[in-house]
Amino acid sequence: MQKRKLGKSNLEVSAIGLGCMGMSWSYGPPKDKQEMISVLRAAVERGVTFFDTAEVYGPLLNEELVGEALAPFRGQVVIATKFGWEPNPRDEGKWTALNSRPEHIKQVAEASLKRLRVDAIDLFYQHRVDLNVPIEDVAGTVKELIQKGKVRHFGLSEAGAQTIRRAHAVQPVTALQSEYSLWFRQPEKTVLPDLEELGIGFVPFSPLGKGFLTGKINADTKFDSTDFRNTVPRLSPENRKTNQALVDVLSRFAKEKKATPAQIALAWLLAKKPWIVPIPGTTKLSRLEENLGAADLQLTPEDLHAIESASSKIKVEGARYSPFHEQMTGR
């Protein structure tokens, strides 16, 4: 597996990481723990060194799973986790309250260290920008944690360009994690130029459009009742039917390259910038191997132009988030 550095930092990771959220949360019921430990360890065996989790996934379950699975590989892998959420007192059982107050960040760091079974958090993201706490205070708190050796690198998720610049001025930001794929290209206009200028790496989540760009989901697919994709307007049955046109474009290029639509989607991201590291999630070994195969797929500038030209002619229908979650992006 090829390696990449996230921006100008010295944080080197595998060119493709593994998003672990779906193993415990959001894509239906939690998967079998032992099976997921096997998938995580198989990823390491195949050269993956970058794993993404968060305290809110589960909540807490995912960090515990990742911590147990990767304990034998301490020092060989990079684990990213996130802070910034807490249970909402007005919405029992739901972690829908933002909290990036300094004391809370410190408490989360201590708890995550224990669950992940590590001495330091490799990359600590603010999960969503909290408008009630100045970003300078957030960055300053993480800077303290870095000085104490409890955190190695600072990251932001779904933050806007001005927030990134303000944070970076206090504590260098190693990576921004936001949604980016062939069916959500807005970051190209809103943040990528700033990241390039500042030397910050980019970690696209949902690089396969929450599974849709794999070509394995269509208008007739039924999601589990606990699957959050039921709340995503872009993935309503009606919009899936319309958006199939984009998958058809990917399938056409995949056939030419003797690859799969998922591999084309990931290879496109890898070809965009050398400091982009996508983190597709999966719970299946076969899908893991398929995704990692994208790192060996070389797309030429002509390929990129052809893919972008064809895909840009298709209007993707539906918002990528529910209104509640959309309001927390780009701040």
C-alpha atoms as a PDB file:
ATOM      1  CA  MET A   1       0.000   0.000   0.000  1.00  0.00           C
ATOM      2  CA  GLN A   2       1.332   3.425  -0.947  1.00  0.00           C
ATOM      3  CA  LYS A   3       1.792   6.051   1.773  1.00  0.00           C
ATOM      4  CA  ARG A   4       0.822   9.713   1.798  1.00  0.00           C
ATOM      5  CA  LYS A   5       1.550  12.650   4.085  1.00  0.00           C
ATOM      6  CA  LEU A   6      -1.343  14.772   5.285  1.00  0.00           C
ATOM      7  CA  GLY A   7      -0.360  18.220   4.062  1.00  0.00           C
ATOM      8  CA  LYS A   8       2.892  19.647   5.363  1.00  0.00           C
ATOM      9  CA  SER A   9       2.682  17.647   8.576  1.00  0.00           C
ATOM     10  CA  ASN A  10       4.900  14.644   9.231  1.00  0.00           C
ATOM     11  CA  LEU A  11       1.837  12.425   9.639  1.00  0.00           C
ATOM     12  CA  GLU A  12       2.265   9.635   7.110  1.00  0.00           C
ATOM     13  CA  VAL A  13      -0.625   7.237   6.506  1.00  0.00           C
ATOM     14  CA  SER A  14      -1.750   4.667   3.957  1.00  0.00           C
ATOM     15  CA  ALA A  15      -3.132   6.245   0.765  1.00  0.00           C
ATOM     16  CA  ILE A  16      -6.542   4.792   1.626  1.00  0.00           C
ATOM     17  CA  GLY A  17      -7.766   4.623   5.222  1.00  0.00           C
ATOM     18  CA  LEU A  18     -10.672   2.782   6.814  1.00  0.00           C
ATOM     19  CA  GLY A  19     -13.746   4.510   8.194  1.00  0.00           C
ATOM     20  CA  CYS A  20     -14.946   2.393  11.111  1.00  0.00           C
ATOM     21  CA  MET A  21     -18.284   4.084  11.969  1.00  0.00           C
ATOM     22  CA  GLY A  22     -20.534   1.601  10.194  1.00  0.00           C
ATOM     23  CA  MET A  23     -19.191  -1.294  12.224  1.00  0.00           C
ATOM     24  CA  SER A  24     -20.986  -0.040  15.328  1.00  0.00           C
ATOM     25  CA  TRP A  25     -23.457   2.640  14.339  1.00  0.00           C
ATOM     26  CA  SER A  26     -25.588   4.414  11.746  1.00  0.00           C
ATOM     27  CA  TYR A  27     -25.730   1.786   8.978  1.00  0.00           C
ATOM     28  CA  GLY A  28     -28.139  -0.498  10.832  1.00  0.00           C
ATOM     29  CA  PRO A  29     -27.515  -2.478  14.050  1.00  0.00           C
ATOM     30  CA  PRO A  30     -23.936  -2.939  15.332  1.00  0.00           C
ATOM     31  CA  LYS A  31     -22.156  -5.744  13.519  1.00  0.00           C
ATOM     32  CA  ASP A  32     -20.699  -8.814  15.225  1.00  0.00           C
ATOM     33  CA  LYS A  33     -17.715  -7.667  17.279  1.00  0.00           C
ATOM     34  CA  GLN A  34     -15.404 -10.569  16.481  1.00  0.00           C
ATOM     35  CA  GLU A  35     -16.149 -10.297  12.775  1.00  0.00           C
ATOM     36  CA  MET A  36     -15.302  -6.595  12.847  1.00  0.00           C
ATOM     37  CA  ILE A  37     -12.068  -7.245  14.744  1.00  0.00           C
ATOM     38  CA  SER A  38     -11.148  -9.669  11.942  1.00  0.00           C
ATOM     39  CA  VAL A  39     -11.875  -7.035   9.275  1.00  0.00           C
ATOM     40  CA  LEU A  40      -9.842  -4.388  11.116  1.00  0.00           C
ATOM     41  CA  ARG A  41      -6.869  -6.717  11.517  1.00  0.00           C
ATOM     42  CA  ALA A  42      -7.167  -7.841   7.889  1.00  0.00           C
ATOM     43  CA  ALA A  43      -6.930  -4.181   6.898  1.00  0.00           C
ATOM     44  CA  VAL A  44      -3.620  -3.857   8.773  1.00  0.00           C
ATOM     45  CA  GLU A  45      -2.325  -7.006   7.078  1.00  0.00           C
ATOM     46  CA  ARG A  46      -3.157  -5.424   3.710  1.00  0.00           C
ATOM     47  CA  GLY A  47      -1.232  -2.257   4.466  1.00  0.00           C
ATOM     48  CA  VAL A  48      -3.880   0.065   5.908  1.00  0.00           C
ATOM     49  CA  THR A  49      -2.369   2.243   8.635  1.00  0.00           C
ATOM     50  CA  PHE A  50      -5.102   4.910   8.991  1.00  0.00           C
ATOM     51  CA  PHE A  51      -8.272   4.215  10.972  1.00  0.00           C
ATOM     52  CA  ASP A  52     -11.121   6.629  11.707  1.00  0.00           C
ATOM     53  CA  THR A  53     -13.467   6.511  14.678  1.00  0.00           C
ATOM     54  CA  ALA A  54     -15.255   8.880  17.113  1.00  0.00           C
ATOM     55  CA  GLU A  55     -16.671   8.770  20.615  1.00  0.00           C
ATOM     56  CA  VAL A  56     -20.179   9.422  19.266  1.00  0.00           C
ATOM     57  CA  TYR A  57     -20.105   6.289  17.073  1.00  0.00           C
ATOM     58  CA  GLY A  58     -22.092   3.834  19.127  1.00  0.00           C
ATOM     59  CA  PRO A  59     -21.786   6.014  21.202  1.00  0.00           C
ATOM     60  CA  LEU A  60     -18.462   4.821  22.657  1.00  0.00           C
ATOM     61  CA  LEU A  61     -18.747   1.309  21.179  1.00  0.00           C
ATOM     62  CA  ASN A  62     -16.690   2.062  18.089  1.00  0.00           C
ATOM     63  CA  GLU A  63     -13.687   3.439  19.948  1.00  0.00           C
ATOM     64  CA  GLU A  64     -13.707   0.353  22.183  1.00  0.00           C
ATOM     65  CA  LEU A  65     -13.866  -1.934  19.142  1.00  0.00           C
ATOM     66  CA  VAL A  66     -11.044  -0.131  17.343  1.00  0.00           C
ATOM     67  CA  GLY A  67      -8.970  -0.038  20.519  1.00  0.00           C
ATOM     68  CA  GLU A  68      -9.284  -3.781  21.063  1.00  0.00           C
ATOM     69  CA  ALA A  69      -8.752  -4.739  17.417  1.00  0.00           C
ATOM     70  CA  LEU A  70      -5.675  -2.583  16.909  1.00  0.00           C
ATOM     71  CA  ALA A  71      -4.023  -3.092  20.305  1.00  0.00           C
ATOM     72  CA  PRO A  72      -1.497  -5.601  18.841  1.00  0.00           C
ATOM     73  CA  PHE A  73      -0.395  -2.998  16.280  1.00  0.00           C
ATOM     74  CA  ARG A  74       0.333  -0.057  18.567  1.00  0.00           C
ATOM     75  CA  GLY A  75       2.952   2.165  16.977  1.00  0.00           C
ATOM     76  CA  GLN A  76       2.268   0.733  13.515  1.00  0.00           C
ATOM     77  CA  VAL A  77      -1.086   2.418  12.865  1.00  0.00           C
ATOM     78  CA  VAL A  78      -2.607   5.906  13.069  1.00  0.00           C
ATOM     79  CA  ILE A  79      -5.966   6.206  14.824  1.00  0.00           C
ATOM     80  CA  ALA A  80      -8.058   9.330  14.392  1.00  0.00           C
ATOM     81  CA  THR A  81     -10.934  10.090  16.739  1.00  0.00           C
ATOM     82  CA  LYS A  82     -13.169  13.071  17.428  1.00  0.00           C
ATOM     83  CA  PHE A  83     -14.634  15.262  20.155  1.00  0.00           C
ATOM     84  CA  GLY A  84     -17.453  17.767  20.240  1.00  0.00           C
ATOM     85  CA  TRP A  85     -20.721  15.951  20.947  1.00  0.00           C
ATOM     86  CA  GLU A  86     -22.554  14.975  24.111  1.00  0.00           C
ATOM     87  CA  PRO A  87     -26.011  13.601  25.024  1.00  0.00           C
ATOM     88  CA  ASN A  88     -28.768  16.137  24.496  1.00  0.00           C
ATOM     89  CA  PRO A  89     -30.622  16.652  27.805  1.00  0.00           C
ATOM     90  CA  ARG A  90     -33.774  17.519  25.856  1.00  0.00           C
ATOM     91  CA  ASP A  91     -33.571  14.486  23.568  1.00  0.00           C
ATOM     92  CA  GLU A  92     -33.089  11.373  25.699  1.00  0.00           C
ATOM     93  CA  GLY A  93     -30.600   8.885  24.348  1.00  0.00           C
ATOM     94  CA  LYS A  94     -29.535  11.108  21.441  1.00  0.00           C
ATOM     95  CA  TRP A  95     -26.096  12.681  21.133  1.00  0.00           C
ATOM     96  CA  THR A  96     -27.300  15.788  19.361  1.00  0.00           C
ATOM     97  CA  ALA A  97     -25.769  18.488  21.587  1.00  0.00           C
ATOM     98  CA  LEU A  98     -22.515  20.139  20.550  1.00  0.00           C
ATOM     99  CA  ASN A  99     -19.935  20.781  23.263  1.00  0.00           C
ATOM    100  CA  SER A 100     -16.415  21.947  22.493  1.00  0.00           C
ATOM    101  CA  ARG A 101     -15.784  23.722  25.764  1.00  0.00           C
ATOM    102  CA  PRO A 102     -12.148  23.299  26.850  1.00  0.00           C
ATOM    103  CA  GLU A 103     -12.916  21.223  29.953  1.00  0.00           C
ATOM    104  CA  HIS A 104     -15.127  18.892  27.919  1.00  0.00           C
ATOM    105  CA  ILE A 105     -12.425  18.418  25.263  1.00  0.00           C
ATOM    106  CA  LYS A 106      -9.945  17.407  27.979  1.00  0.00           C
ATOM    107  CA  GLN A 107     -12.418  14.942  29.510  1.00  0.00           C
ATOM    108  CA  VAL A 108     -13.125  13.379  26.114  1.00  0.00           C
ATOM    109  CA  ALA A 109      -9.405  13.025  25.408  1.00  0.00           C
ATOM    110  CA  GLU A 110      -8.827  11.114  28.657  1.00  0.00           C
ATOM    111  CA  ALA A 111     -11.788   8.801  28.021  1.00  0.00           C
ATOM    112  CA  SER A 112     -10.802   8.183  24.379  1.00  0.00           C
ATOM    113  CA  LEU A 113      -7.233   7.317  25.372  1.00  0.00           C
ATOM    114  CA  LYS A 114      -8.577   4.562  27.619  1.00  0.00           C
ATOM    115  CA  ARG A 115     -11.043   3.188  25.071  1.00  0.00           C
ATOM    116  CA  LEU A 116      -8.468   3.243  22.271  1.00  0.00           C
ATOM    117  CA  ARG A 117      -5.802   1.704  24.551  1.00  0.00           C
ATOM    118  CA  VAL A 118      -3.167   4.200  23.439  1.00  0.00           C
ATOM    119  CA  ASP A 119      -0.813   6.628  25.152  1.00  0.00           C
ATOM    120  CA  ALA A 120      -1.572   9.454  22.710  1.00  0.00           C
ATOM    121  CA  ILE A 121      -4.354  10.187  20.201  1.00  0.00           C
ATOM    122  CA  ASP A 122      -2.712  10.377  16.768  1.00  0.00           C
ATOM    123  CA  LEU A 123      -5.242  12.777  15.237  1.00  0.00           C
ATOM    124  CA  PHE A 124      -7.926  14.536  17.284  1.00  0.00           C
ATOM    125  CA  TYR A 125     -10.679  16.179  15.221  1.00  0.00           C
ATOM    126  CA  GLN A 126     -13.318  18.646  16.336  1.00  0.00           C
ATOM    127  CA  HIS A 127     -16.317  16.714  14.984  1.00  0.00           C
ATOM    128  CA  ARG A 128     -18.428  19.784  14.200  1.00  0.00           C
ATOM    129  CA  VAL A 129     -17.772  23.480  14.751  1.00  0.00           C
ATOM    130  CA  ASP A 130     -19.438  24.677  17.972  1.00  0.00           C
ATOM    131  CA  LEU A 131     -20.555  28.291  17.519  1.00  0.00           C
ATOM    132  CA  ASN A 132     -20.766  28.710  21.299  1.00  0.00           C
ATOM    133  CA  VAL A 133     -17.007  28.263  21.727  1.00  0.00           C
ATOM    134  CA  PRO A 134     -14.442  30.423  19.861  1.00  0.00           C
ATOM    135  CA  ILE A 135     -12.383  28.208  17.583  1.00  0.00           C
ATOM    136  CA  GLU A 136      -9.245  29.813  19.060  1.00  0.00           C
ATOM    137  CA  ASP A 137     -10.207  28.299  22.450  1.00  0.00           C
ATOM    138  CA  VAL A 138     -10.719  24.889  20.838  1.00  0.00           C
ATOM    139  CA  ALA A 139      -7.372  25.027  19.026  1.00  0.00           C
ATOM    140  CA  GLY A 140      -5.649  26.292  22.167  1.00  0.00           C
ATOM    141  CA  THR A 141      -7.031  23.410  24.215  1.00  0.00           C
ATOM    142  CA  VAL A 142      -5.835  20.826  21.703  1.00  0.00           C
ATOM    143  CA  LYS A 143      -2.474  22.617  21.633  1.00  0.00           C
ATOM    144  CA  GLU A 144      -2.241  22.064  25.410  1.00  0.00           C
ATOM    145  CA  LEU A 145      -3.048  18.375  24.947  1.00  0.00           C
ATOM    146  CA  ILE A 146      -0.331  18.138  22.284  1.00  0.00           C
ATOM    147  CA  GLN A 147       2.196  19.814  24.605  1.00  0.00           C
ATOM    148  CA  LYS A 148       1.289  17.287  27.315  1.00  0.00           C
ATOM    149  CA  GLY A 149       1.840  14.390  24.911  1.00  0.00           C
ATOM    150  CA  LYS A 150      -1.776  13.232  24.965  1.00  0.00           C
ATOM    151  CA  VAL A 151      -2.519  14.218  21.360  1.00  0.00           C
ATOM    152  CA  ARG A 152      -0.203  14.292  18.349  1.00  0.00           C
ATOM    153  CA  HIS A 153      -2.162  16.144  15.666  1.00  0.00           C
ATOM    154  CA  PHE A 154      -5.174  18.477  15.468  1.00  0.00           C
ATOM    155  CA  GLY A 155      -7.950  18.179  12.904  1.00  0.00           C
ATOM    156  CA  LEU A 156     -11.278  19.753  11.993  1.00  0.00           C
ATOM    157  CA  SER A 157     -14.370  18.216  10.390  1.00  0.00           C
ATOM    158  CA  GLU A 158     -16.827  19.962   8.053  1.00  0.00           C
ATOM    159  CA  ALA A 159     -15.378  23.366   8.994  1.00  0.00           C
ATOM    160  CA  GLY A 160     -15.484  26.431   6.747  1.00  0.00           C
ATOM    161  CA  ALA A 161     -12.392  28.157   5.340  1.00  0.00           C
ATOM    162  CA  GLN A 162     -12.364  31.077   7.791  1.00  0.00           C
ATOM    163  CA  THR A 163     -12.676  28.777  10.793  1.00  0.00           C
ATOM    164  CA  ILE A 164      -9.825  26.644   9.463  1.00  0.00           C
ATOM    165  CA  ARG A 165      -7.597  29.715   9.105  1.00  0.00           C
ATOM    166  CA  ARG A 166      -8.397  30.982  12.601  1.00  0.00           C
ATOM    167  CA  ALA A 167      -7.716  27.575  14.157  1.00  0.00           C
ATOM    168  CA  HIS A 168      -4.526  27.075  12.139  1.00  0.00           C
ATOM    169  CA  ALA A 169      -3.139  30.363  13.441  1.00  0.00           C
ATOM    170  CA  VAL A 170      -3.307  29.007  17.018  1.00  0.00           C
ATOM    171  CA  GLN A 171      -2.406  25.349  16.456  1.00  0.00           C
ATOM    172  CA  PRO A 172      -1.435  24.007  13.021  1.00  0.00           C
ATOM    173  CA  VAL A 173      -4.267  21.921  11.593  1.00  0.00           C
ATOM    174  CA  THR A 174      -2.981  18.632  10.182  1.00  0.00           C
ATOM    175  CA  ALA A 175      -6.148  17.563   8.384  1.00  0.00           C
ATOM    176  CA  LEU A 176      -9.676  18.552   7.495  1.00  0.00           C
ATOM    177  CA  GLN A 177     -12.212  15.761   7.261  1.00  0.00           C
ATOM    178  CA  SER A 178     -15.307  16.547   5.206  1.00  0.00           C
ATOM    179  CA  GLU A 179     -17.567  14.844   2.720  1.00  0.00           C
ATOM    180  CA  TYR A 180     -16.131  14.822  -0.803  1.00  0.00           C
ATOM    181  CA  SER A 181     -16.841  12.568  -3.747  1.00  0.00           C
ATOM    182  CA  LEU A 182     -17.927  12.644  -7.364  1.00  0.00           C
ATOM    183  CA  TRP A 183     -21.440  13.402  -6.197  1.00  0.00           C
ATOM    184  CA  PHE A 184     -20.467  16.127  -3.728  1.00  0.00           C
ATOM    185  CA  ARG A 185     -17.733  18.333  -5.148  1.00  0.00           C
ATOM    186  CA  GLN A 186     -18.442  21.544  -3.244  1.00  0.00           C
ATOM    187  CA  PRO A 187     -15.138  21.365  -1.248  1.00  0.00           C
ATOM    188  CA  GLU A 188     -13.261  22.110  -4.479  1.00  0.00           C
ATOM    189  CA  LYS A 189     -14.617  25.658  -4.307  1.00  0.00           C
ATOM    190  CA  THR A 190     -15.015  26.186  -0.564  1.00  0.00           C
ATOM    191  CA  VAL A 191     -11.939  24.714   1.145  1.00  0.00           C
ATOM    192  CA  LEU A 192      -9.448  22.925  -1.125  1.00  0.00           C
ATOM    193  CA  PRO A 193      -7.612  26.109  -2.222  1.00  0.00           C
ATOM    194  CA  ASP A 194      -7.191  27.127   1.431  1.00  0.00           C
ATOM    195  CA  LEU A 195      -5.957  23.677   2.436  1.00  0.00           C
ATOM    196  CA  GLU A 196      -3.391  23.726  -0.349  1.00  0.00           C
ATOM    197  CA  GLU A 197      -2.189  27.197   0.627  1.00  0.00           C
ATOM    198  CA  LEU A 198      -1.890  26.302   4.320  1.00  0.00           C
ATOM    199  CA  GLY A 199      -0.450  22.824   3.800  1.00  0.00           C
ATOM    200  CA  ILE A 200      -3.337  20.954   5.421  1.00  0.00           C
ATOM    201  CA  GLY A 201      -4.258  17.409   4.412  1.00  0.00           C
ATOM    202  CA  PHE A 202      -7.773  16.457   3.319  1.00  0.00           C
ATOM    203  CA  VAL A 203      -9.570  13.304   4.454  1.00  0.00           C
ATOM    204  CA  PRO A 204     -12.786  12.762   2.478  1.00  0.00           C
ATOM    205  CA  PHE A 205     -15.449  10.763   4.277  1.00  0.00           C
ATOM    206  CA  SER A 206     -18.318   9.149   2.350  1.00  0.00           C
ATOM    207  CA  PRO A 207     -16.047   8.978  -0.724  1.00  0.00           C
ATOM    208  CA  LEU A 208     -18.463   6.411  -2.143  1.00  0.00           C
ATOM    209  CA  GLY A 209     -21.594   8.465  -1.516  1.00  0.00           C
ATOM    210  CA  LYS A 210     -22.659   6.444   1.551  1.00  0.00           C
ATOM    211  CA  GLY A 211     -22.458   3.319  -0.583  1.00  0.00           C
ATOM    212  CA  PHE A 212     -24.437   4.601  -3.555  1.00  0.00           C
ATOM    213  CA  LEU A 213     -21.464   5.053  -5.891  1.00  0.00           C
ATOM    214  CA  THR A 214     -20.569   1.374  -5.567  1.00  0.00           C
ATOM    215  CA  GLY A 215     -23.468   0.499  -7.855  1.00  0.00           C
ATOM    216  CA  LYS A 216     -24.801  -1.959  -5.261  1.00  0.00           C
ATOM    217  CA  ILE A 217     -27.723   0.262  -4.209  1.00  0.00           C
ATOM    218  CA  ASN A 218     -30.699   1.129  -6.391  1.00  0.00           C
ATOM    219  CA  ALA A 219     -34.211   2.583  -6.046  1.00  0.00           C
ATOM    220  CA  ASP A 220     -35.537  -0.753  -4.767  1.00  0.00           C
ATOM    221  CA  THR A 221     -32.937  -1.201  -2.003  1.00  0.00           C
ATOM    222  CA  LYS A 222     -34.486  -1.302   1.476  1.00  0.00           C
ATOM    223  CA  PHE A 223     -32.389   0.114   4.310  1.00  0.00           C
ATOM    224  CA  ASP A 224     -32.711  -1.231   7.854  1.00  0.00           C
ATOM    225  CA  SER A 225     -35.048   0.859  10.039  1.00  0.00           C
ATOM    226  CA  THR A 226     -32.034   2.008  12.115  1.00  0.00           C
ATOM    227  CA  ASP A 227     -29.974   3.001   9.043  1.00  0.00           C
ATOM    228  CA  PHE A 228     -29.431   6.768   8.982  1.00  0.00           C
ATOM    229  CA  ARG A 229     -29.591   6.749   5.188  1.00  0.00           C
ATOM    230  CA  ASN A 230     -33.366   6.697   5.585  1.00  0.00           C
ATOM    231  CA  THR A 231     -33.060  10.369   6.638  1.00  0.00           C
ATOM    232  CA  VAL A 232     -30.803  11.439   3.750  1.00  0.00           C
ATOM    233  CA  PRO A 233     -32.851  13.222   1.060  1.00  0.00           C
ATOM    234  CA  ARG A 234     -30.337  12.312  -1.657  1.00  0.00           C
ATOM    235  CA  LEU A 235     -30.981   8.642  -0.910  1.00  0.00           C
ATOM    236  CA  SER A 236     -34.782   8.657  -1.039  1.00  0.00           C
ATOM    237  CA  PRO A 237     -36.070   5.971  -3.450  1.00  0.00           C
ATOM    238  CA  GLU A 238     -37.173   8.636  -5.937  1.00  0.00           C
ATOM    239  CA  ASN A 239     -33.806  10.428  -5.882  1.00  0.00           C
ATOM    240  CA  ARG A 240     -31.893   7.169  -6.066  1.00  0.00           C
ATOM    241  CA  LYS A 241     -33.724   6.422  -9.291  1.00  0.00           C
ATOM    242  CA  THR A 242     -32.660   9.770 -10.777  1.00  0.00           C
ATOM    243  CA  ASN A 243     -29.124   9.657  -9.364  1.00  0.00           C
ATOM    244  CA  GLN A 244     -28.495   6.245 -10.896  1.00  0.00           C
ATOM    245  CA  ALA A 245     -27.304   8.171 -13.961  1.00  0.00           C
ATOM    246  CA  LEU A 246     -24.107   9.099 -12.114  1.00  0.00           C
ATOM    247  CA  VAL A 247     -23.436   5.468 -11.212  1.00  0.00           C
ATOM    248  CA  ASP A 248     -23.972   4.560 -14.858  1.00  0.00           C
ATOM    249  CA  VAL A 249     -21.198   7.005 -15.801  1.00  0.00           C
ATOM    250  CA  LEU A 250     -18.837   5.429 -13.250  1.00  0.00           C
ATOM    251  CA  SER A 251     -19.768   1.951 -14.490  1.00  0.00           C
ATOM    252  CA  ARG A 252     -18.864   2.930 -18.039  1.00  0.00           C
ATOM    253  CA  PHE A 253     -15.394   4.117 -17.013  1.00  0.00           C
ATOM    254  CA  ALA A 254     -14.980   1.076 -14.761  1.00  0.00           C
ATOM    255  CA  LYS A 255     -15.603  -1.229 -17.684  1.00  0.00           C
ATOM    256  CA  GLU A 256     -12.942   0.567 -19.730  1.00  0.00           C
ATOM    257  CA  LYS A 257     -10.412   0.282 -16.902  1.00  0.00           C
ATOM    258  CA  LYS A 258     -11.372  -3.275 -15.917  1.00  0.00           C
ATOM    259  CA  ALA A 259     -12.262  -1.956 -12.464  1.00  0.00           C
ATOM    260  CA  THR A 260     -15.391  -1.395 -10.371  1.00  0.00           C
ATOM    261  CA  PRO A 261     -17.382   1.847  -9.965  1.00  0.00           C
ATOM    262  CA  ALA A 262     -16.141   2.125  -6.373  1.00  0.00           C
ATOM    263  CA  GLN A 263     -12.521   1.844  -7.517  1.00  0.00           C
ATOM    264  CA  ILE A 264     -13.033   4.579 -10.124  1.00  0.00           C
ATOM    265  CA  ALA A 265     -14.607   6.877  -7.504  1.00  0.00           C
ATOM    266  CA  LEU A 266     -11.708   6.343  -5.077  1.00  0.00           C
ATOM    267  CA  ALA A 267      -8.991   6.523  -7.733  1.00  0.00           C
ATOM    268  CA  TRP A 268     -10.471   9.849  -8.872  1.00  0.00           C
ATOM    269  CA  LEU A 269     -10.018  11.257  -5.356  1.00  0.00           C
ATOM    270  CA  LEU A 270      -6.465   9.938  -5.089  1.00  0.00           C
ATOM    271  CA  ALA A 271      -5.578  11.522  -8.423  1.00  0.00           C
ATOM    272  CA  LYS A 272      -6.915  14.956  -7.448  1.00  0.00           C
ATOM    273  CA  LYS A 273      -4.181  15.837  -4.916  1.00  0.00           C
ATOM    274  CA  PRO A 274      -1.290  13.909  -3.327  1.00  0.00           C
ATOM    275  CA  TRP A 275      -2.424  15.042   0.144  1.00  0.00           C
ATOM    276  CA  ILE A 276      -5.960  13.621  -0.138  1.00  0.00           C
ATOM    277  CA  VAL A 277      -6.586  10.387   1.809  1.00  0.00           C
ATOM    278  CA  PRO A 278     -10.118   8.952   1.490  1.00  0.00           C
ATOM    279  CA  ILE A 279     -11.537   6.773   4.268  1.00  0.00           C
ATOM    280  CA  PRO A 280     -14.204   4.505   2.772  1.00  0.00           C
ATOM    281  CA  GLY A 281     -16.007   2.462   5.381  1.00  0.00           C
ATOM    282  CA  THR A 282     -16.976  -1.170   5.106  1.00  0.00           C
ATOM    283  CA  THR A 283     -17.830  -4.170   7.255  1.00  0.00           C
ATOM    284  CA  LYS A 284     -16.938  -6.775   4.619  1.00  0.00           C
ATOM    285  CA  LEU A 285     -13.507  -8.140   3.759  1.00  0.00           C
ATOM    286  CA  SER A 286     -14.400  -8.401   0.047  1.00  0.00           C
ATOM    287  CA  ARG A 287     -15.352  -4.705  -0.082  1.00  0.00           C
ATOM    288  CA  LEU A 288     -12.210  -3.759   1.839  1.00  0.00           C
ATOM    289  CA  GLU A 289     -10.074  -5.514  -0.762  1.00  0.00           C
ATOM    290  CA  GLU A 290     -12.055  -3.927  -3.599  1.00  0.00           C
ATOM    291  CA  ASN A 291     -11.581  -0.451  -2.114  1.00  0.00           C
ATOM    292  CA  LEU A 292      -7.858  -0.928  -1.525  1.00  0.00           C
ATOM    293  CA  GLY A 293      -7.489  -1.990  -5.161  1.00  0.00           C
ATOM    294  CA  ALA A 294      -8.211   1.617  -6.121  1.00  0.00           C
ATOM    295  CA  ALA A 295      -4.725   2.586  -4.939  1.00  0.00           C
ATOM    296  CA  ASP A 296      -3.271   0.572  -7.830  1.00  0.00           C
ATOM    297  CA  LEU A 297      -5.535   2.184 -10.423  1.00  0.00           C
ATOM    298  CA  GLN A 298      -3.732   5.014 -12.200  1.00  0.00           C
ATOM    299  CA  LEU A 299      -5.935   7.669 -13.781  1.00  0.00           C
ATOM    300  CA  THR A 300      -4.321  10.062 -16.263  1.00  0.00           C
ATOM    301  CA  PRO A 301      -5.183  13.776 -16.466  1.00  0.00           C
ATOM    302  CA  GLU A 302      -7.188  12.837 -19.567  1.00  0.00           C
ATOM    303  CA  ASP A 303      -9.102  10.221 -17.551  1.00  0.00           C
ATOM    304  CA  LEU A 304      -9.872  12.783 -14.857  1.00  0.00           C
ATOM    305  CA  HIS A 305     -11.129  15.279 -17.410  1.00  0.00           C
ATOM    306  CA  ALA A 306     -13.327  12.669 -19.076  1.00  0.00           C
ATOM    307  CA  ILE A 307     -14.808  11.480 -15.771  1.00  0.00           C
ATOM    308  CA  GLU A 308     -15.468  15.014 -14.553  1.00  0.00           C
ATOM    309  CA  SER A 309     -16.871  16.136 -17.874  1.00  0.00           C
ATOM    310  CA  ALA A 310     -19.321  13.238 -18.044  1.00  0.00           C
ATOM    311  CA  SER A 311     -20.344  13.365 -14.371  1.00  0.00           C
ATOM    312  CA  SER A 312     -20.803  17.148 -14.313  1.00  0.00           C
ATOM    313  CA  LYS A 313     -23.556  16.848 -16.912  1.00  0.00           C
ATOM    314  CA  ILE A 314     -25.667  14.963 -14.370  1.00  0.00           C
ATOM    315  CA  LYS A 315     -27.637  16.933 -11.803  1.00  0.00           C
ATOM    316  CA  VAL A 316     -27.595  15.086  -8.488  1.00  0.00           C
ATOM    317  CA  GLU A 317     -30.996  15.290  -6.800  1.00  0.00           C
ATOM    318  CA  GLY A 318     -31.526  15.720  -3.060  1.00  0.00           C
ATOM    319  CA  ALA A 319     -29.609  17.267  -0.185  1.00  0.00           C
ATOM    320  CA  ARG A 320     -26.727  15.265   1.307  1.00  0.00           C
ATOM    321  CA  TYR A 321     -27.988  15.763   4.877  1.00  0.00           C
ATOM    322  CA  SER A 322     -31.177  16.338   6.804  1.00  0.00           C
ATOM    323  CA  PRO A 323     -31.684  20.065   7.627  1.00  0.00           C
ATOM    324  CA  PHE A 324     -30.559  19.437  11.239  1.00  0.00           C
ATOM    325  CA  HIS A 325     -27.180  18.041  10.208  1.00  0.00           C
ATOM    326  CA  GLU A 326     -26.735  20.376   7.239  1.00  0.00           C
ATOM    327  CA  GLN A 327     -26.806  23.439   9.484  1.00  0.00           C
ATOM    328  CA  MET A 328     -23.666  22.182  11.259  1.00  0.00           C
ATOM    329  CA  THR A 329     -21.508  22.087   8.132  1.00  0.00           C
ATOM    330  CA  GLY A 330     -19.355  24.778   6.574  1.00  0.00           C
ATOM    331  CA  ARG A 331     -19.278  26.949   9.706  1.00  0.00           C
END
